[in-house]
Amino acid sequence: MTSTERFNALLRGGPKGLSPRTEYRRVEDLTEKVKVFQGNYYDHYEPTAESELHGDHPCRVYVWIGRTYVAE
């Protein structure tokens, strides 16, 4: 993996009652919301002002804001 392909975002959270998830991803625009396809739904995340280091690699922290289901 090259440095331009490395993750730059940390996605956190999920619906109440489920185990919170944490996932590292590559995001092109760190100011935009992120939509992650999960089978029959999308989880939505928004960026925070928070940043964390993973090793020596900075990551913008995103928090879960909701879920939408795919229409059948």
C-alpha atoms as a PDB file:
ATOM      1  CA  MET A   1       0.000   0.000   0.000  1.00  0.00           C
ATOM      2  CA  THR A   2       1.417   3.401  -0.952  1.00  0.00           C
ATOM      3  CA  SER A   3       1.185   6.472   1.255  1.00  0.00           C
ATOM      4  CA  THR A   4      -1.548   7.928  -0.995  1.00  0.00           C
ATOM      5  CA  GLU A   5      -3.686   4.783  -0.516  1.00  0.00           C
ATOM      6  CA  ARG A   6      -3.386   4.677   3.276  1.00  0.00           C
ATOM      7  CA  PHE A   7      -6.389   5.313   5.452  1.00  0.00           C
ATOM      8  CA  ASN A   8      -6.937   8.855   6.717  1.00  0.00           C
ATOM      9  CA  ALA A   9     -10.255   8.511   8.565  1.00  0.00           C
ATOM     10  CA  LEU A  10     -11.483   6.670  11.638  1.00  0.00           C
ATOM     11  CA  LEU A  11     -15.212   5.815  11.573  1.00  0.00           C
ATOM     12  CA  ARG A  12     -16.811   5.323  14.985  1.00  0.00           C
ATOM     13  CA  GLY A  13     -20.183   4.372  16.355  1.00  0.00           C
ATOM     14  CA  GLY A  14     -23.400   2.742  15.303  1.00  0.00           C
ATOM     15  CA  PRO A  15     -27.008   2.253  16.375  1.00  0.00           C
ATOM     16  CA  LYS A  16     -27.877   1.785  20.037  1.00  0.00           C
ATOM     17  CA  GLY A  17     -28.047  -1.835  21.069  1.00  0.00           C
ATOM     18  CA  LEU A  18     -25.317  -2.960  18.667  1.00  0.00           C
ATOM     19  CA  SER A  19     -21.615  -3.162  19.353  1.00  0.00           C
ATOM     20  CA  PRO A  20     -20.006   0.131  18.400  1.00  0.00           C
ATOM     21  CA  ARG A  21     -17.781  -0.250  15.395  1.00  0.00           C
ATOM     22  CA  THR A  22     -14.443   1.299  14.633  1.00  0.00           C
ATOM     23  CA  GLU A  23     -13.098   1.206  11.106  1.00  0.00           C
ATOM     24  CA  TYR A  24     -10.221   2.884   9.319  1.00  0.00           C
ATOM     25  CA  ARG A  25     -10.891   4.075   5.754  1.00  0.00           C
ATOM     26  CA  ARG A  26      -9.523   6.224   2.986  1.00  0.00           C
ATOM     27  CA  VAL A  27     -11.686   9.336   2.470  1.00  0.00           C
ATOM     28  CA  GLU A  28     -11.044  11.736  -0.409  1.00  0.00           C
ATOM     29  CA  ASP A  29     -12.561  14.897   1.143  1.00  0.00           C
ATOM     30  CA  LEU A  30     -12.223  15.006   4.935  1.00  0.00           C
ATOM     31  CA  THR A  31     -14.844  17.779   5.195  1.00  0.00           C
ATOM     32  CA  GLU A  32     -17.649  15.716   3.615  1.00  0.00           C
ATOM     33  CA  LYS A  33     -19.957  13.142   5.196  1.00  0.00           C
ATOM     34  CA  VAL A  34     -19.217   9.475   4.443  1.00  0.00           C
ATOM     35  CA  LYS A  35     -21.766   6.841   3.389  1.00  0.00           C
ATOM     36  CA  VAL A  36     -20.737   3.168   3.814  1.00  0.00           C
ATOM     37  CA  PHE A  37     -22.728   0.419   2.071  1.00  0.00           C
ATOM     38  CA  GLN A  38     -23.411  -2.545   4.399  1.00  0.00           C
ATOM     39  CA  GLY A  39     -25.522  -5.012   2.388  1.00  0.00           C
ATOM     40  CA  ASN A  40     -29.083  -3.683   2.483  1.00  0.00           C
ATOM     41  CA  TYR A  41     -28.345  -0.365   4.201  1.00  0.00           C
ATOM     42  CA  TYR A  42     -25.932   2.559   4.361  1.00  0.00           C
ATOM     43  CA  ASP A  43     -24.310   3.816   7.551  1.00  0.00           C
ATOM     44  CA  HIS A  44     -23.705   7.570   7.534  1.00  0.00           C
ATOM     45  CA  TYR A  45     -20.817   9.323   9.301  1.00  0.00           C
ATOM     46  CA  GLU A  46     -19.862  12.966   9.676  1.00  0.00           C
ATOM     47  CA  PRO A  47     -16.431  14.429  10.373  1.00  0.00           C
ATOM     48  CA  THR A  48     -15.553  15.937  13.735  1.00  0.00           C
ATOM     49  CA  ALA A  49     -12.821  18.412  14.608  1.00  0.00           C
ATOM     50  CA  GLU A  50     -11.031  15.557  16.376  1.00  0.00           C
ATOM     51  CA  SER A  51      -7.992  13.793  14.961  1.00  0.00           C
ATOM     52  CA  GLU A  52      -6.084  10.747  16.241  1.00  0.00           C
ATOM     53  CA  LEU A  53      -2.746   9.221  15.436  1.00  0.00           C
ATOM     54  CA  HIS A  54      -2.653   5.593  14.368  1.00  0.00           C
ATOM     55  CA  GLY A  55       1.039   4.861  14.729  1.00  0.00           C
ATOM     56  CA  ASP A  56       2.505   7.946  13.098  1.00  0.00           C
ATOM     57  CA  HIS A  57      -0.420   8.381  10.716  1.00  0.00           C
ATOM     58  CA  PRO A  58      -3.029  11.127  11.445  1.00  0.00           C
ATOM     59  CA  CYS A  59      -6.692  10.196  11.002  1.00  0.00           C
ATOM     60  CA  ARG A  60      -9.787  12.444  11.048  1.00  0.00           C
ATOM     61  CA  VAL A  61     -12.428  11.054  13.431  1.00  0.00           C
ATOM     62  CA  TYR A  62     -15.941  10.550  12.015  1.00  0.00           C
ATOM     63  CA  VAL A  63     -19.005   9.707  14.110  1.00  0.00           C
ATOM     64  CA  TRP A  64     -22.043   7.679  13.115  1.00  0.00           C
ATOM     65  CA  ILE A  65     -25.129   9.820  12.506  1.00  0.00           C
ATOM     66  CA  GLY A  66     -27.653   7.401  11.061  1.00  0.00           C
ATOM     67  CA  ARG A  67     -28.632   4.562   8.795  1.00  0.00           C
ATOM     68  CA  THR A  68     -30.747   4.418   5.662  1.00  0.00           C
ATOM     69  CA  TYR A  69     -32.083   1.257   4.018  1.00  0.00           C
ATOM     70  CA  VAL A  70     -31.942   0.426   0.331  1.00  0.00           C
ATOM     71  CA  ALA A  71     -35.358   0.357  -1.329  1.00  0.00           C
ATOM     72  CA  GLU A  72     -36.337  -2.993  -2.781  1.00  0.00           C
END
